[in-house]
Protein backbone atom coordinates (compact mmCIF):
# COMPACT_ATOMS: atom_id res chain seq x y z
CA UNK A 1 14.13 -8.15 -16.34
CA UNK A 2 16.12 -9.85 -13.52
CA UNK A 3 19.16 -11.82 -14.57
CA UNK A 4 18.84 -15.59 -13.94
CA UNK A 5 20.84 -16.97 -11.06
CA UNK A 6 23.88 -19.10 -11.79
CA UNK A 7 22.81 -21.83 -9.36
CA UNK A 8 19.48 -22.98 -7.96
CA UNK A 9 19.96 -24.86 -4.65
CA UNK A 10 17.52 -27.42 -3.27
CA UNK A 11 14.94 -26.02 -0.86
CA UNK A 12 13.29 -29.28 0.14
CA UNK A 13 9.87 -28.88 1.73
CA UNK A 14 9.06 -32.24 3.43
CA UNK A 15 5.40 -31.33 3.98
CA UNK A 16 4.86 -30.40 0.32
CA UNK A 17 6.67 -33.57 -0.80
CA UNK A 18 4.50 -35.70 1.49
CA UNK A 19 1.27 -34.25 0.11
CA UNK A 20 2.38 -34.57 -3.50
CA UNK A 21 3.49 -38.15 -2.95
CA UNK A 22 -0.05 -38.96 -1.80
CA UNK A 23 -1.68 -37.63 -4.96
CA UNK A 24 1.17 -38.35 -7.40
CA UNK A 25 -0.16 -41.73 -8.68
CA UNK A 26 -3.54 -40.20 -9.47
CA UNK A 27 -1.95 -37.11 -11.02
CA UNK A 28 0.45 -39.17 -13.15
CA UNK A 29 -2.41 -41.26 -14.48
CA UNK A 30 -4.63 -38.26 -15.23
CA UNK A 31 -2.10 -35.81 -16.70
CA UNK A 32 0.69 -38.02 -18.06
CA UNK A 33 -1.30 -41.22 -18.79
CA UNK A 34 1.21 -43.12 -16.71
CA UNK A 35 1.25 -45.97 -14.17
CA UNK A 36 4.44 -47.20 -12.52
CA UNK A 37 5.30 -50.83 -11.86
CA UNK A 38 8.29 -51.32 -9.53
CA UNK A 39 10.45 -54.44 -9.32
CA UNK A 40 14.02 -55.37 -8.45
CA UNK A 41 16.81 -57.82 -9.13
CA UNK A 42 16.34 -60.96 -6.98
CA UNK A 43 19.38 -59.91 -4.93
CA UNK A 44 17.76 -56.60 -3.97
CA UNK A 45 15.20 -56.15 -1.22
CA UNK A 46 13.44 -52.88 -1.99
CA UNK A 47 12.65 -52.32 1.67
CA UNK A 48 16.38 -52.39 2.39
CA UNK A 49 16.75 -49.19 0.38
CA UNK A 50 14.88 -47.25 3.03
CA UNK A 51 17.12 -45.01 5.13
CA UNK A 52 20.14 -46.12 3.08
CA UNK A 53 22.22 -43.37 1.43
CA UNK A 54 22.20 -43.98 -2.31
CA UNK A 55 22.94 -42.42 -5.64
CA UNK A 56 20.11 -43.63 -7.87
CA UNK A 57 21.41 -43.92 -11.45
CA UNK A 58 18.65 -44.29 -14.04
CA UNK A 59 18.56 -44.40 -17.83
CA UNK A 60 16.74 -41.46 -19.40
CA UNK A 61 14.43 -42.51 -22.28
CA UNK A 62 11.79 -39.76 -21.97
CA UNK A 63 10.93 -36.40 -20.48
CA UNK A 64 8.64 -38.13 -17.95
CA UNK A 65 11.40 -40.06 -16.17
CA UNK A 66 11.61 -37.61 -13.27
CA UNK A 67 7.91 -38.22 -12.59
CA UNK A 68 8.56 -41.97 -12.41
CA UNK A 69 11.44 -41.42 -9.97
CA UNK A 70 9.22 -39.20 -7.82
CA UNK A 71 6.64 -42.00 -7.74
CA UNK A 72 9.45 -44.32 -6.67
CA UNK A 73 10.20 -41.94 -3.78
CA UNK A 74 6.53 -42.19 -2.80
CA UNK A 75 6.82 -45.99 -2.87
CA UNK A 76 9.78 -45.84 -0.46
CA UNK A 77 8.07 -43.08 1.57
CA UNK A 78 11.19 -40.94 1.43
CA UNK A 79 12.26 -37.64 -0.09
CA UNK A 80 14.85 -37.67 -2.86
CA UNK A 81 17.18 -34.99 -4.14
CA UNK A 82 17.51 -34.58 -7.91
CA UNK A 83 20.40 -33.21 -9.95
CA UNK A 84 18.51 -31.37 -12.68
CA UNK A 85 19.50 -29.49 -15.84
CA UNK A 86 19.87 -25.78 -15.17
CA UNK A 87 17.42 -24.88 -17.93
CA UNK A 88 14.55 -26.54 -16.08
CA UNK A 89 14.68 -23.85 -13.37
CA UNK A 90 14.21 -20.94 -15.76
CA UNK A 91 10.53 -21.70 -16.38
CA UNK A 92 7.47 -21.42 -14.21
CA UNK A 93 8.08 -24.79 -12.51
CA UNK A 94 11.52 -23.89 -11.16
CA UNK A 95 10.18 -22.87 -7.74
CA UNK A 96 8.39 -26.21 -7.36
CA UNK A 97 11.41 -28.26 -8.44
CA UNK A 98 13.52 -26.69 -5.71
CA UNK A 99 10.88 -27.51 -3.05
CA UNK A 100 10.84 -31.12 -4.24
CA UNK A 101 14.58 -31.42 -3.64
CA UNK A 102 15.97 -30.60 -7.09
CA UNK A 103 19.00 -28.40 -7.70
CA UNK A 104 20.63 -27.17 -10.87
CA UNK A 105 23.67 -28.31 -12.83
CA UNK A 106 25.01 -26.53 -15.89
CA UNK A 107 25.94 -29.39 -18.17
CA UNK A 108 29.19 -29.17 -20.08
CA UNK A 109 30.76 -26.85 -17.48
CA UNK A 110 32.74 -27.22 -14.30
CA UNK A 111 29.74 -26.16 -12.21
CA UNK A 112 31.45 -25.63 -8.85
CA UNK A 113 28.27 -24.67 -7.01
CA UNK A 114 26.53 -27.86 -8.14
CA UNK A 115 29.54 -30.01 -7.28
CA UNK A 116 29.78 -28.45 -3.81
CA UNK A 117 26.06 -29.03 -3.23
CA UNK A 118 26.37 -32.66 -4.33
CA UNK A 119 29.33 -33.30 -2.05
CA UNK A 120 27.40 -31.82 0.87
CA UNK A 121 24.35 -33.99 0.17
CA UNK A 122 26.37 -37.17 -0.19
CA UNK A 123 28.23 -36.52 3.06
CA UNK A 124 24.90 -36.77 4.87
CA UNK A 125 24.02 -40.42 5.67
CA UNK A 126 20.26 -39.84 5.19
CA UNK A 127 20.15 -38.60 1.60
CA UNK A 128 19.19 -40.19 -1.69
CA UNK A 129 20.24 -38.46 -4.90
CA UNK A 130 18.83 -39.10 -8.38
CA UNK A 131 21.19 -38.63 -11.33
CA UNK A 132 20.60 -39.52 -14.98
CA UNK A 133 24.14 -40.60 -15.97
CA UNK A 134 23.50 -40.57 -19.73
CA UNK A 135 23.60 -36.79 -19.47
CA UNK A 136 20.31 -36.17 -21.25
CA UNK A 137 17.24 -37.73 -22.77
CA UNK A 138 17.96 -40.55 -25.24
CA UNK A 139 14.42 -40.92 -26.67
CA UNK A 140 15.12 -44.66 -26.88
CA UNK A 141 13.16 -47.12 -24.82
CA UNK A 142 15.35 -50.20 -25.09
CA UNK A 143 18.97 -49.07 -25.23
CA UNK A 144 21.31 -47.26 -22.86
CA UNK A 145 23.61 -44.47 -24.00
CA UNK A 146 27.16 -44.34 -22.56
CA UNK A 147 27.20 -43.27 -18.92
CA UNK A 148 29.12 -40.17 -17.94
CA UNK A 149 31.59 -40.80 -15.09
CA UNK A 150 30.66 -37.79 -12.95
CA UNK A 151 28.07 -39.50 -10.74
CA UNK A 152 30.44 -42.30 -9.73
CA UNK A 153 33.37 -39.98 -9.32
CA UNK A 154 31.57 -37.53 -7.07
CA UNK A 155 30.27 -40.33 -4.84
CA UNK A 156 33.78 -41.63 -4.25
CA UNK A 157 35.06 -38.07 -3.87
CA UNK A 158 32.52 -37.35 -1.12
CA UNK A 159 33.57 -40.44 0.82
CA UNK A 160 37.28 -39.71 0.34
CA UNK A 161 36.76 -36.17 1.59
CA UNK A 162 35.01 -37.42 4.75
CA UNK A 163 37.83 -39.87 5.41
CA UNK A 164 40.49 -37.18 4.93
CA UNK A 165 38.72 -34.86 7.37
CA UNK A 166 38.28 -37.58 9.94
CA UNK A 167 34.50 -37.36 9.66
CA UNK A 168 32.25 -40.46 9.63
CA UNK A 169 32.32 -41.93 6.12
CA UNK A 170 28.78 -42.53 4.83
CA UNK A 171 28.00 -46.08 3.71
CA UNK A 172 27.10 -44.85 0.24
CA UNK A 173 25.65 -47.18 -2.40
CA UNK A 174 25.09 -46.86 -6.15
CA UNK A 175 21.71 -48.17 -7.29
CA UNK A 176 21.45 -48.82 -11.05
CA UNK A 177 17.84 -48.38 -12.18
CA UNK A 178 16.40 -49.50 -15.51
CA UNK A 179 13.31 -47.74 -16.82
CA UNK A 180 11.18 -48.89 -19.73
CA UNK A 181 7.77 -47.74 -21.00
CA UNK A 182 5.06 -49.86 -22.58
CA UNK A 183 1.85 -48.68 -24.21
CA UNK A 184 -1.17 -50.58 -22.94
CA UNK A 185 -3.70 -49.96 -25.70
CA UNK A 186 -3.93 -50.60 -29.44
CA UNK A 187 -1.28 -48.41 -30.99
CA UNK A 188 -1.92 -49.03 -34.68
CA UNK A 189 -4.33 -46.05 -34.99
CA UNK A 190 -1.86 -43.80 -33.14
CA UNK A 191 1.04 -44.80 -35.40
CA UNK A 192 -1.15 -44.34 -38.48
CA UNK A 193 -2.22 -40.86 -37.37
CA UNK A 194 1.33 -39.77 -36.51
CA UNK A 195 2.75 -41.07 -39.80
CA UNK A 196 -0.03 -39.36 -41.78
CA UNK A 197 0.59 -36.01 -40.10
CA UNK A 198 4.31 -36.21 -40.83
CA UNK A 199 3.74 -37.30 -44.42
CA UNK A 200 1.36 -34.39 -44.98
CA UNK A 201 3.82 -31.89 -43.51
CA UNK A 202 6.67 -33.28 -45.63
CA UNK A 203 4.56 -33.66 -48.82
CA UNK A 204 5.11 -37.42 -48.94
CA UNK A 205 2.72 -40.07 -50.30
CA UNK A 206 1.63 -42.84 -47.93
CA UNK A 207 3.24 -45.81 -49.66
CA UNK A 208 4.06 -49.23 -48.23
CA UNK A 209 3.73 -50.67 -44.77
CA UNK A 210 4.42 -48.75 -41.57
CA UNK A 211 8.14 -49.42 -41.62
CA UNK A 212 8.52 -48.36 -45.25
CA UNK A 213 6.59 -45.19 -44.53
CA UNK A 214 8.75 -44.50 -41.49
CA UNK A 215 11.88 -44.83 -43.64
CA UNK A 216 10.44 -42.45 -46.22
CA UNK A 217 9.91 -39.84 -43.50
CA UNK A 218 13.43 -40.45 -42.20
CA UNK A 219 14.92 -40.15 -45.67
CA UNK A 220 13.19 -36.83 -46.31
CA UNK A 221 14.30 -35.37 -42.98
CA UNK A 222 17.89 -36.56 -43.49
CA UNK A 223 17.98 -35.11 -47.04
CA UNK A 224 16.70 -31.77 -45.72
CA UNK A 225 19.34 -31.69 -42.99
CA UNK A 226 22.14 -32.34 -45.45
CA UNK A 227 20.89 -29.67 -47.84
CA UNK A 228 20.43 -27.12 -45.07
CA UNK A 229 23.96 -27.54 -43.74
CA UNK A 230 25.63 -28.13 -47.09
CA UNK A 231 26.77 -31.64 -46.21
CA UNK A 232 27.48 -33.90 -49.18
CA UNK A 233 27.53 -37.61 -48.37
CA UNK A 234 29.44 -40.23 -50.31
CA UNK A 235 27.35 -42.21 -52.79
CA UNK A 236 28.18 -45.49 -51.06
CA UNK A 237 27.47 -44.18 -47.57
CA UNK A 238 24.73 -45.92 -45.61
CA UNK A 239 22.33 -44.05 -43.34
CA UNK A 240 24.40 -44.51 -40.20
CA UNK A 241 27.46 -43.11 -41.95
CA UNK A 242 25.44 -40.15 -43.22
CA UNK A 243 23.97 -39.45 -39.77
CA UNK A 244 27.41 -39.59 -38.17
CA UNK A 245 28.96 -37.37 -40.82
CA UNK A 246 26.16 -34.83 -40.50
CA UNK A 247 26.45 -34.55 -36.71
CA UNK A 248 30.23 -34.40 -36.90
CA UNK A 249 30.31 -31.61 -39.47
CA UNK A 250 27.62 -29.55 -37.74
CA UNK A 251 29.42 -29.77 -34.40
CA UNK A 252 32.78 -28.90 -35.95
CA UNK A 253 31.30 -25.93 -37.78
CA UNK A 254 29.71 -24.52 -34.63
CA UNK A 255 32.90 -25.03 -32.64
CA UNK A 256 34.92 -23.23 -35.30
CA UNK A 257 32.46 -20.33 -35.30
CA UNK A 258 32.78 -19.99 -31.52
CA UNK A 259 36.53 -20.71 -31.29
CA UNK A 260 35.98 -23.87 -29.27
CA UNK A 261 37.96 -27.10 -29.35
CA UNK A 262 36.95 -30.62 -28.43
CA UNK A 263 38.97 -33.59 -27.23
CA UNK A 264 39.34 -36.73 -29.36
CA UNK A 265 36.49 -39.12 -28.63
CA UNK A 266 34.58 -36.57 -26.57
CA UNK A 267 30.84 -37.44 -26.53
CA UNK A 268 28.58 -35.34 -28.74
CA UNK A 269 26.48 -34.28 -25.76
CA UNK A 270 29.45 -32.75 -23.95
CA UNK A 271 30.30 -30.78 -27.07
CA UNK A 272 26.68 -29.64 -27.46
CA UNK A 273 26.44 -28.42 -23.86
CA UNK A 274 29.68 -26.45 -24.20
CA UNK A 275 28.45 -24.86 -27.44
CA UNK A 276 25.11 -24.02 -25.84
CA UNK A 277 26.83 -22.38 -22.90
CA UNK A 278 28.91 -20.24 -25.25
CA UNK A 279 25.78 -19.31 -27.21
CA UNK A 280 24.07 -18.27 -23.97
CA UNK A 281 27.03 -16.02 -23.20
CA UNK A 282 26.82 -14.45 -26.64
CA UNK A 283 23.08 -13.89 -26.34
CA UNK A 284 23.55 -12.35 -22.90
CA UNK A 285 26.37 -10.08 -24.09
CA UNK A 286 24.38 -8.96 -27.13
CA UNK A 287 21.37 -8.13 -24.95
CA UNK A 288 23.44 -6.18 -22.44
CA UNK A 289 25.18 -4.19 -25.20
CA UNK A 290 21.88 -3.20 -26.76
CA UNK A 291 20.36 -2.38 -23.37
CA UNK A 292 23.30 -0.18 -22.46
CA UNK A 293 22.96 1.69 -25.73
CA UNK A 294 19.30 2.40 -25.03
CA UNK A 295 19.88 3.31 -21.37
CA UNK A 296 22.65 5.75 -22.20
CA UNK A 297 20.76 7.27 -25.17
CA UNK A 298 23.85 6.66 -27.18
CA UNK A 299 23.84 7.88 -30.80
CA UNK A 300 24.87 4.36 -31.74
CA UNK A 301 21.72 2.89 -30.22
CA UNK A 302 20.11 2.40 -33.59
CA UNK A 303 23.09 0.52 -34.98
CA UNK A 304 23.33 -3.24 -34.86
CA UNK A 305 25.23 -4.65 -31.90
CA UNK A 306 28.85 -5.59 -32.47
CA UNK A 307 28.83 -8.92 -34.34
CA UNK A 308 29.84 -11.76 -32.09
CA UNK A 309 30.77 -14.17 -34.87
CA UNK A 310 31.85 -13.54 -38.45
CA UNK A 311 28.86 -12.62 -40.65
CA UNK A 312 29.56 -15.34 -43.22
CA UNK A 313 29.05 -18.16 -40.70
CA UNK A 314 26.04 -19.70 -39.01
CA UNK A 315 23.94 -17.26 -37.00
CA UNK A 316 23.46 -17.69 -33.28
CA UNK A 317 19.88 -18.85 -33.84
CA UNK A 318 20.99 -21.32 -36.50
CA UNK A 319 23.62 -22.80 -34.19
CA UNK A 320 21.11 -23.03 -31.34
CA UNK A 321 18.70 -24.93 -33.58
CA UNK A 322 21.50 -27.17 -34.81
CA UNK A 323 22.39 -28.15 -31.25
CA UNK A 324 18.76 -29.01 -30.49
CA UNK A 325 18.80 -31.26 -33.54
CA UNK A 326 22.02 -33.00 -32.55
CA UNK A 327 20.56 -33.83 -29.13
CA UNK A 328 17.27 -34.96 -30.65
CA UNK A 329 18.99 -37.40 -32.97
CA UNK A 330 22.11 -38.17 -30.93
CA UNK A 331 21.25 -41.78 -30.10
CA UNK A 332 19.35 -42.62 -33.28
CA UNK A 333 20.64 -45.26 -35.67
CA UNK A 334 19.34 -47.06 -38.72
CA UNK A 335 17.97 -50.44 -37.67
CA UNK A 336 16.62 -49.48 -34.23
CA UNK A 337 13.02 -50.15 -35.29
CA UNK A 338 13.88 -53.07 -37.59
CA UNK A 339 15.61 -54.96 -34.76
CA UNK A 340 12.40 -55.03 -32.70
CA UNK A 341 9.45 -53.41 -34.50
CA UNK A 342 7.45 -52.74 -31.34
CA UNK A 343 4.98 -49.87 -30.97
CA UNK A 344 7.37 -48.27 -28.49
CA UNK A 345 10.30 -48.26 -30.94
CA UNK A 346 8.10 -46.92 -33.74
CA UNK A 347 6.93 -44.08 -31.52
CA UNK A 348 10.41 -43.44 -30.10
CA UNK A 349 11.44 -42.59 -33.65
CA UNK A 350 8.25 -40.83 -34.71
CA UNK A 351 8.36 -38.51 -31.70
CA UNK A 352 11.86 -37.45 -32.77
CA UNK A 353 10.51 -36.49 -36.17
CA UNK A 354 7.56 -34.68 -34.60
CA UNK A 355 9.93 -32.59 -32.51
CA UNK A 356 11.85 -31.65 -35.65
CA UNK A 357 9.07 -31.20 -38.23
CA UNK A 358 6.53 -29.49 -35.96
CA UNK A 359 9.05 -27.70 -33.70
CA UNK A 360 7.55 -29.27 -30.55
CA UNK A 361 9.87 -29.61 -27.58
CA UNK A 362 7.75 -32.04 -25.55
CA UNK A 363 5.00 -33.81 -27.54
CA UNK A 364 2.06 -34.92 -25.45
CA UNK A 365 1.81 -38.61 -24.42
CA UNK A 366 0.48 -40.73 -27.27
CA UNK A 367 -1.57 -43.06 -25.08
CA UNK A 368 -1.65 -44.65 -21.65
CA UNK A 369 1.65 -46.23 -20.63
CA UNK A 370 3.09 -48.43 -17.97
CA UNK A 371 6.52 -47.42 -16.70
CA UNK A 372 8.48 -50.47 -15.58
CA UNK A 373 11.19 -49.55 -13.08
CA UNK A 374 13.66 -52.24 -12.04
CA UNK A 375 16.34 -51.73 -9.39
CA UNK A 376 19.57 -53.57 -10.10
CA UNK A 377 22.13 -55.02 -7.71
CA UNK A 378 23.54 -52.30 -5.49
CA UNK A 379 27.21 -51.35 -5.51
CA UNK A 380 28.72 -50.53 -2.12
CA UNK A 381 31.26 -47.76 -2.69
CA UNK A 382 33.16 -48.58 0.50
CA UNK A 383 34.47 -51.65 -1.33
CA UNK A 384 36.16 -49.42 -3.92
CA UNK A 385 37.42 -46.56 -1.75
CA UNK A 386 40.95 -47.94 -1.26
CA UNK A 387 41.29 -48.66 -4.97
CA UNK A 388 40.09 -45.14 -5.72
CA UNK A 389 42.83 -43.66 -3.56
CA UNK A 390 45.50 -45.32 -5.72
CA UNK A 391 43.85 -45.34 -9.17
CA UNK A 392 41.03 -42.84 -9.48
CA UNK A 393 40.48 -42.97 -13.23
CA UNK A 394 40.68 -46.76 -13.45
CA UNK A 395 38.32 -47.33 -10.51
CA UNK A 396 35.74 -44.89 -11.83
CA UNK A 397 35.90 -46.38 -15.34
CA UNK A 398 35.42 -49.90 -13.97
CA UNK A 399 32.36 -48.89 -11.96
CA UNK A 400 30.83 -46.89 -14.81
CA UNK A 401 31.11 -49.86 -17.15
CA UNK A 402 29.65 -52.20 -14.53
CA UNK A 403 26.68 -49.92 -13.85
CA UNK A 404 25.97 -49.35 -17.52
CA UNK A 405 26.03 -53.09 -18.22
CA UNK A 406 23.72 -53.77 -15.27
CA UNK A 407 21.27 -51.11 -16.44
CA UNK A 408 21.24 -52.50 -19.99
CA UNK A 409 20.86 -56.09 -18.74
CA UNK A 410 17.83 -55.22 -16.62
CA UNK A 411 16.40 -53.19 -19.49
CA UNK A 412 16.66 -56.36 -21.62
CA UNK A 413 14.93 -58.30 -18.84
CA UNK A 414 12.08 -55.79 -18.85
CA UNK A 415 11.86 -55.93 -22.65
CA UNK A 416 11.53 -59.70 -22.60
CA UNK A 417 8.96 -59.58 -19.82
CA UNK A 418 6.77 -57.04 -21.63
CA UNK A 419 7.17 -58.37 -25.19
CA UNK A 420 4.28 -60.80 -24.80
CA UNK A 421 1.90 -57.93 -24.14
CA UNK A 422 2.57 -55.91 -27.30
CA UNK A 423 -0.58 -54.15 -28.53
CA UNK A 424 -1.06 -53.07 -32.14
């Protein structure tokens, strides 16, 4: 079996992109039950985006977001490049992703190949690059997770490098994009069916209204997590405190098992990606050791491979599952549905439980949806290049906060605009 490559570069095929852009709206509607509605802040002329080098920064509420961004490329009649999680290239669609302009990044690592590729792309005045700055899927339709600084930093770095070399400095812009989904049909039967399936799997009675039933499912899942990992919560702890304590203890336990350390305040996702990378190394080492034993007909071939972690700790498989859970529930909090009990928020939460209870990575779409994409006011990086040369960290932090606030504001605008069309 060939060993996976460490980096998958873009191999953009303009002809293939052009043909797929022509059929993408039909394909999205048929396969993903999805239509895209594109709008912009009043200060933004969408036509002005054409032929303008941009980093497109979009929130990441679902696994279908890349499809929406591809449909946006069709709207602009341009090809985009996409910074995409390394794992996506290991499956059967990896070849296609590369031809559509995607390239890999190993999250949680200093991926030098990916950084070099990004700098090269951003130095070209004709490129548009899509990055999801939350660092992963949030599974939340109305709220933005904290943005990672890398996208802003690498844009300024590319411009600073061009200036230092005496090359033409691209007029690079940051385009904050807000993305929200709305179901178009009656969702009461779908919510009822999903709740019933979860209740049956968890041996729960169907008692109370939808929200009460949702909380019963959540309580059972949370209790099971705590029992499985041996986490004892304080009697007075509320759900948010219990969720935080559970994630914290699971992450710490995995890091201790793998001799990893984390920085104070480091986001959970960064810690998860580092743990996953270490697990991949352990899996790879274990496989190679066993393969070498077989190939060499060693008398030790029938013995278990050298243990990679102490036997009294979590197994590799258990840690891998734990990290999937942390990502699945990273952005969840008690009160998300109660704040705005929309069908979308109900299903945001129910899909999380489906992924856990039924071990489904990507549940199928529940019903037809509209994806509302709104482009926020552009940020011209030239205006910040001098400040970046004297205060890199401060300049990047300021821009990250500005972009995150813009994305959340436009997400709120979309929520208000679609609230009147809620279907139950």
